[in-house]
Amino acid sequence: MNFCTVKETAERWGVSERFVRKLCKEGRIENVVRDEDTGLIPSGIEKPGRKKYEKKPPLDVDLSDYAKRIVRQRIKNNHYGIYEYIQLNLTYSSNRMASNRLTRNEVEEIYRTNKITTTFEPAKVDDIIETVNHFAAVRYVIDNITAPMTAVFIKQLHHILTYGTYADRKEKIRPGEYRVSKTDIGVPAKEITGAVTALIREYEKGLITLDRILDFHVHFERIRPFEDYNGRLGRLIMLKECLRHEIDPFIIDDKRRGAYNRGIAAWSEDHEPLISVSLEAQKRFQGKMELCALFQYARYPEPYRGGKL
């Protein structure tokens, strides 16, 4: 077998020597003599084609039709469907509850164009970073619908939400790491790991219902495992668990945050207030899903006229 050098191969293929060495390192050129001095490559071999990336695995057979539709739209990155509705409205509402000041239209512009046009007041850099991070967090949730609830998953989701934010840059939080500071809210820092582990262990027992998802959410918020972003993280977890267990998902509208917070506060004595808010949100979501299905088929967006989302 005749051989030629890396330089000769690069000239014949019309690429850089660095690229040829990269192909050798990845094992995409067969019968290479791995010699640092000579870099012998079979002389007659053709340039490898583009690397083929594996597509996402087929849709899980255990998913509900509801979840399958969302996953399918996530894979294809479809616009105007239920997946985009979740991205835009959960991101807007959940961030808005945490004092993010971007408008619904600005969130939509960032999502669809990766740009933002401010009309009323300058946008804060952190508001934009939080929005982009939340988009990534929703993608992570959809990509891991069937994954069991674990501390590792929760920490990774928190890392995605917070990486690069002002709090991260100023080292006020540690993305993906539990709280270490003292606080009047939540359990003591040294008890967080045990509290989260026990909560997950108890949650994963038995049949998961809407009541149990809400119960997990309330106790998670009361533990307050991270320095910040616990509310947004908890609402993302509720979305995942609803889809995982074939329960109609819901998005708590920013305008209903008062009733939502009162429901969390009253949970130990009365489950009804929080369940009522969630069921109301489910009905709105179901109506939007039917509408999104029509617009997805027609391939044009639902006009947004402000007001309730």
Protein backbone atom coordinates (compact mmCIF):
# COMPACT_ATOMS: atom_id res chain seq x y z
CA MET A 1 0.00 0.00 0.00
CA ASN A 2 1.33 3.43 -0.98
CA PHE A 3 1.21 6.29 1.53
CA CYS A 4 1.49 10.05 1.46
CA THR A 5 1.97 12.70 4.13
CA VAL A 6 -0.64 14.84 5.84
CA LYS A 7 0.53 17.84 3.81
CA GLU A 8 0.23 15.99 0.51
CA THR A 9 -3.22 14.69 1.44
CA ALA A 10 -4.39 18.16 2.44
CA GLU A 11 -3.22 19.62 -0.91
CA ARG A 12 -4.94 16.83 -2.86
CA TRP A 13 -8.24 17.31 -0.98
CA GLY A 14 -8.02 21.11 -0.93
CA VAL A 15 -8.25 21.37 2.85
CA SER A 16 -5.96 22.38 5.69
CA GLU A 17 -3.45 20.05 7.30
CA ARG A 18 -5.20 20.67 10.61
CA PHE A 19 -8.45 19.34 9.17
CA VAL A 20 -6.73 16.18 7.91
CA ARG A 21 -5.20 15.58 11.34
CA LYS A 22 -8.63 16.07 12.89
CA LEU A 23 -10.10 13.41 10.58
CA CYS A 24 -7.30 11.04 11.56
CA LYS A 25 -7.88 11.68 15.25
CA GLU A 26 -11.61 10.99 14.87
CA GLY A 27 -10.85 7.71 13.09
CA ARG A 28 -12.60 8.78 9.89
CA ILE A 29 -9.65 7.85 7.66
CA GLU A 30 -8.91 4.13 7.51
CA ASN A 31 -5.51 2.44 7.59
CA VAL A 32 -3.65 5.52 8.81
CA VAL A 33 -0.15 4.94 10.13
CA ARG A 34 -0.17 7.12 13.22
CA ASP A 35 3.29 8.58 13.11
CA GLU A 36 3.88 12.15 14.28
CA ASP A 37 6.81 12.67 11.91
CA THR A 38 5.51 11.16 8.70
CA GLY A 39 1.71 11.09 9.19
CA LEU A 40 1.29 8.35 6.60
CA ILE A 41 -2.12 8.19 4.94
CA PRO A 42 -3.12 5.76 2.17
CA SER A 43 -2.52 7.64 -1.07
CA GLY A 44 -5.64 6.57 -2.94
CA ILE A 45 -8.19 7.18 -0.21
CA GLU A 46 -11.02 9.63 -0.89
CA LYS A 47 -11.92 12.55 1.34
CA PRO A 48 -14.55 11.49 3.92
CA GLY A 49 -17.98 13.05 3.53
CA ARG A 50 -19.71 15.20 6.11
CA LYS A 51 -20.04 13.64 9.51
CA LYS A 52 -23.49 12.19 9.96
CA TYR A 53 -25.05 13.02 13.29
CA GLU A 54 -27.56 10.64 14.76
CA LYS A 55 -31.08 11.92 14.75
CA LYS A 56 -33.02 12.08 17.97
CA PRO A 57 -34.39 8.71 19.02
CA PRO A 58 -37.93 7.90 17.87
CA LEU A 59 -40.77 9.22 19.98
CA ASP A 60 -41.21 7.18 23.13
CA VAL A 61 -44.14 4.80 22.83
CA ASP A 62 -45.12 5.54 26.42
CA LEU A 63 -45.73 9.21 25.73
CA SER A 64 -49.26 10.52 25.44
CA ASP A 65 -50.43 11.86 22.09
CA TYR A 66 -50.27 15.26 23.75
CA ALA A 67 -46.59 14.91 24.60
CA LYS A 68 -45.73 13.26 21.27
CA ARG A 69 -47.09 16.25 19.40
CA ILE A 70 -44.95 18.61 21.49
CA VAL A 71 -41.82 16.47 21.08
CA ARG A 72 -42.40 16.20 17.33
CA GLN A 73 -42.70 19.98 17.03
CA ARG A 74 -39.60 20.40 19.20
CA ILE A 75 -37.58 18.14 16.88
CA LYS A 76 -38.78 19.99 13.78
CA ASN A 77 -38.68 23.38 15.53
CA ASN A 78 -42.15 24.14 14.18
CA HIS A 79 -43.59 27.61 14.54
CA TYR A 80 -47.14 28.47 15.63
CA GLY A 81 -47.74 25.10 17.25
CA ILE A 82 -48.20 24.08 20.87
CA TYR A 83 -44.43 23.73 21.43
CA GLU A 84 -43.86 27.35 20.48
CA TYR A 85 -46.86 28.35 22.59
CA ILE A 86 -45.20 26.72 25.61
CA GLN A 87 -41.87 28.35 24.84
CA LEU A 88 -43.31 31.84 24.51
CA ASN A 89 -45.94 31.86 27.23
CA LEU A 90 -44.19 29.86 29.93
CA THR A 91 -41.02 31.89 29.40
CA TYR A 92 -42.89 35.19 29.46
CA SER A 93 -45.18 34.41 32.40
CA SER A 94 -42.66 32.61 34.59
CA ASN A 95 -39.97 35.25 34.09
CA ARG A 96 -42.50 38.03 34.57
CA MET A 97 -43.37 36.64 37.98
CA ALA A 98 -39.69 37.05 38.86
CA SER A 99 -39.62 40.73 37.76
CA ASN A 100 -38.30 40.25 34.23
CA ARG A 101 -39.63 43.31 32.37
CA LEU A 102 -39.59 42.10 28.75
CA THR A 103 -42.99 42.25 27.07
CA ARG A 104 -44.71 39.27 25.48
CA ASN A 105 -43.96 40.66 22.02
CA GLU A 106 -40.28 41.15 22.87
CA VAL A 107 -40.04 37.56 24.08
CA GLU A 108 -41.62 36.40 20.83
CA GLU A 109 -39.20 38.50 18.76
CA ILE A 110 -36.18 37.02 20.56
CA TYR A 111 -37.51 33.50 20.08
CA ARG A 112 -38.26 33.83 16.36
CA THR A 113 -35.49 36.18 15.19
CA ASN A 114 -32.83 36.07 17.90
CA LYS A 115 -33.09 39.87 17.93
CA ILE A 116 -34.95 42.45 20.00
CA THR A 117 -36.40 45.86 19.14
CA THR A 118 -37.16 47.99 22.17
CA THR A 119 -39.92 50.56 21.79
CA PHE A 120 -40.62 51.89 25.27
CA GLU A 121 -37.53 51.51 27.41
CA PRO A 122 -34.07 49.97 27.07
CA ALA A 123 -34.04 46.26 27.82
CA LYS A 124 -31.79 44.99 30.57
CA VAL A 125 -29.11 42.58 29.42
CA ASP A 126 -30.04 40.20 32.23
CA ASP A 127 -33.69 40.13 31.12
CA ILE A 128 -32.54 39.00 27.68
CA ILE A 129 -30.14 36.39 29.07
CA GLU A 130 -32.86 35.01 31.35
CA THR A 131 -35.22 34.74 28.40
CA VAL A 132 -32.73 32.91 26.19
CA ASN A 133 -31.79 30.62 29.08
CA HIS A 134 -35.45 29.82 29.71
CA PHE A 135 -35.89 28.82 26.07
CA ALA A 136 -32.96 26.41 26.50
CA ALA A 137 -34.45 25.10 29.76
CA VAL A 138 -37.78 24.33 28.06
CA ARG A 139 -35.91 22.45 25.32
CA TYR A 140 -34.08 20.46 27.98
CA VAL A 141 -37.37 19.60 29.68
CA ILE A 142 -38.98 18.44 26.43
CA ASP A 143 -35.90 16.40 25.50
CA ASN A 144 -36.06 14.64 28.88
CA ILE A 145 -39.79 14.18 29.38
CA THR A 146 -39.51 10.50 30.28
CA ALA A 147 -36.49 10.91 32.58
CA PRO A 148 -37.17 10.15 36.25
CA MET A 149 -37.05 12.96 38.77
CA THR A 150 -33.54 13.17 40.20
CA ALA A 151 -31.38 15.74 41.95
CA VAL A 152 -28.99 15.63 38.98
CA PHE A 153 -31.78 16.61 36.58
CA ILE A 154 -32.90 19.45 38.86
CA LYS A 155 -29.36 20.79 39.22
CA GLN A 156 -28.76 20.67 35.47
CA LEU A 157 -32.01 22.52 34.82
CA HIS A 158 -30.99 25.20 37.32
CA HIS A 159 -27.59 25.51 35.64
CA ILE A 160 -29.25 26.10 32.26
CA LEU A 161 -31.57 28.73 33.76
CA THR A 162 -28.90 30.72 35.56
CA TYR A 163 -25.67 30.40 33.58
CA GLY A 164 -24.34 33.79 32.48
CA THR A 165 -26.91 35.84 34.40
CA TYR A 166 -25.96 38.86 36.47
CA ALA A 167 -26.19 36.81 39.65
CA ASP A 168 -23.83 34.23 38.15
CA ARG A 169 -21.36 36.84 36.92
CA LYS A 170 -21.31 38.51 40.34
CA GLU A 171 -21.00 35.10 42.01
CA LYS A 172 -24.20 35.64 43.97
CA ILE A 173 -25.35 32.19 42.90
CA ARG A 174 -23.64 29.00 41.77
CA PRO A 175 -25.44 27.60 38.72
CA GLY A 176 -26.52 24.04 39.40
CA GLU A 177 -25.32 24.06 43.01
CA TYR A 178 -27.43 24.11 46.15
CA ARG A 179 -27.63 27.17 48.37
CA VAL A 180 -24.92 27.61 51.00
CA SER A 181 -26.02 30.92 52.51
CA LYS A 182 -28.27 31.42 55.51
CA THR A 183 -31.81 32.57 54.83
CA ASP A 184 -35.05 33.11 56.68
CA ILE A 185 -36.84 31.26 53.88
CA GLY A 186 -36.28 27.55 53.30
CA VAL A 187 -34.48 24.85 55.22
CA PRO A 188 -30.94 25.38 56.56
CA ALA A 189 -28.28 24.98 53.87
CA LYS A 190 -26.77 21.87 55.45
CA GLU A 191 -30.16 20.11 55.29
CA ILE A 192 -30.94 20.85 51.62
CA THR A 193 -29.39 17.73 50.10
CA GLY A 194 -31.23 15.42 52.47
CA ALA A 195 -34.50 17.33 52.13
CA VAL A 196 -34.47 17.23 48.31
CA THR A 197 -33.48 13.56 48.27
CA ALA A 198 -36.29 12.65 50.66
CA LEU A 199 -38.81 14.73 48.69
CA ILE A 200 -37.89 13.02 45.41
CA ARG A 201 -37.92 9.55 46.99
CA GLU A 202 -41.40 10.10 48.41
CA TYR A 203 -42.68 11.67 45.20
CA GLU A 204 -41.58 8.78 42.98
CA LYS A 205 -43.66 6.31 45.02
CA GLY A 206 -47.04 5.35 43.63
CA LEU A 207 -49.29 6.93 41.04
CA ILE A 208 -48.54 10.54 40.07
CA THR A 209 -51.56 12.84 39.94
CA LEU A 210 -52.01 16.59 39.58
CA ASP A 211 -52.39 16.84 43.36
CA ARG A 212 -49.05 15.08 43.91
CA ILE A 213 -47.27 17.24 41.33
CA LEU A 214 -48.56 20.35 43.11
CA ASP A 215 -47.56 18.88 46.48
CA PHE A 216 -44.02 18.32 45.19
CA HIS A 217 -43.96 21.88 43.85
CA VAL A 218 -45.07 23.41 47.14
CA HIS A 219 -42.54 21.46 49.22
CA PHE A 220 -39.78 22.15 46.72
CA GLU A 221 -40.44 25.88 46.99
CA ARG A 222 -40.47 25.67 50.77
CA ILE A 223 -37.08 23.93 50.80
CA ARG A 224 -35.69 26.70 48.57
CA PRO A 225 -32.69 24.62 47.50
CA PHE A 226 -30.98 27.30 45.40
CA GLU A 227 -29.99 30.91 46.01
CA ASP A 228 -32.41 32.12 43.34
CA TYR A 229 -34.60 31.00 40.41
CA ASN A 230 -36.41 28.41 42.54
CA GLY A 231 -39.87 29.50 41.33
CA ARG A 232 -39.03 29.34 37.64
CA LEU A 233 -37.29 26.03 38.18
CA GLY A 234 -40.29 24.61 40.02
CA ARG A 235 -42.72 25.65 37.29
CA LEU A 236 -40.54 23.97 34.65
CA ILE A 237 -40.52 20.79 36.72
CA MET A 238 -44.33 20.87 36.88
CA LEU A 239 -44.47 21.08 33.07
CA LYS A 240 -42.16 18.10 32.71
CA GLU A 241 -44.02 15.97 35.21
CA CYS A 242 -47.42 16.71 33.67
CA LEU A 243 -46.14 15.62 30.26
CA ARG A 244 -44.32 12.62 31.72
CA HIS A 245 -47.42 11.30 33.47
CA GLU A 246 -50.01 12.13 30.78
CA ILE A 247 -51.58 14.97 32.74
CA ASP A 248 -52.73 18.06 30.86
CA PRO A 249 -50.00 20.69 31.34
CA PHE A 250 -50.70 24.26 32.38
CA ILE A 251 -49.03 27.65 32.52
CA ILE A 252 -49.67 29.95 35.47
CA ASP A 253 -50.37 33.36 33.97
CA ASP A 254 -48.48 36.29 35.49
CA LYS A 255 -51.82 37.99 36.12
CA ARG A 256 -52.77 35.12 38.41
CA ARG A 257 -49.59 35.09 40.44
CA GLY A 258 -51.44 36.41 43.49
CA ALA A 259 -53.87 33.48 43.54
CA TYR A 260 -50.98 31.11 42.77
CA ASN A 261 -48.88 32.39 45.68
CA ARG A 262 -51.86 32.31 48.04
CA GLY A 263 -52.50 28.72 46.99
CA ILE A 264 -48.93 27.76 47.83
CA ALA A 265 -49.16 29.50 51.21
CA ALA A 266 -52.43 27.76 52.07
CA TRP A 267 -51.46 24.29 50.83
CA SER A 268 -50.85 22.71 54.24
CA GLU A 269 -54.38 23.58 55.38
CA ASP A 270 -56.31 23.56 52.11
CA HIS A 271 -55.36 22.16 48.70
CA GLU A 272 -58.34 23.68 46.92
CA PRO A 273 -56.99 27.21 46.16
CA LEU A 274 -53.88 25.99 44.30
CA ILE A 275 -55.74 23.15 42.58
CA SER A 276 -58.40 25.62 41.44
CA VAL A 277 -55.77 27.94 39.92
CA SER A 278 -54.11 24.98 38.19
CA LEU A 279 -57.35 23.56 36.77
CA GLU A 280 -58.28 26.98 35.43
CA ALA A 281 -54.85 27.19 33.77
CA GLN A 282 -55.34 23.69 32.33
CA LYS A 283 -58.59 24.75 30.65
CA ARG A 284 -56.90 27.77 29.10
CA PHE A 285 -54.06 25.56 27.89
CA GLN A 286 -56.46 23.04 26.35
CA GLY A 287 -58.22 25.82 24.46
CA LYS A 288 -54.92 27.20 23.21
CA MET A 289 -53.81 23.74 22.13
CA GLU A 290 -56.87 23.34 19.93
CA LEU A 291 -56.30 26.79 18.47
CA CYS A 292 -52.58 26.15 17.94
CA ALA A 293 -53.42 22.93 16.10
CA LEU A 294 -55.55 24.91 13.65
CA PHE A 295 -52.91 27.57 13.09
CA GLN A 296 -50.19 24.94 12.81
CA TYR A 297 -52.17 23.34 10.02
CA ALA A 298 -52.84 26.67 8.32
CA ARG A 299 -49.20 27.79 8.79
CA TYR A 300 -49.91 31.28 9.99
CA PRO A 301 -49.72 32.71 13.51
CA GLU A 302 -52.45 33.52 15.95
CA PRO A 303 -52.68 37.32 16.15
CA TYR A 304 -51.69 38.64 19.54
CA ARG A 305 -53.84 41.54 20.69
CA GLY A 306 -52.53 41.92 24.22
CA GLY A 307 -54.51 41.18 27.35
CA LYS A 308 -54.81 37.68 28.75
CA LEU A 309 -52.49 35.04 27.37
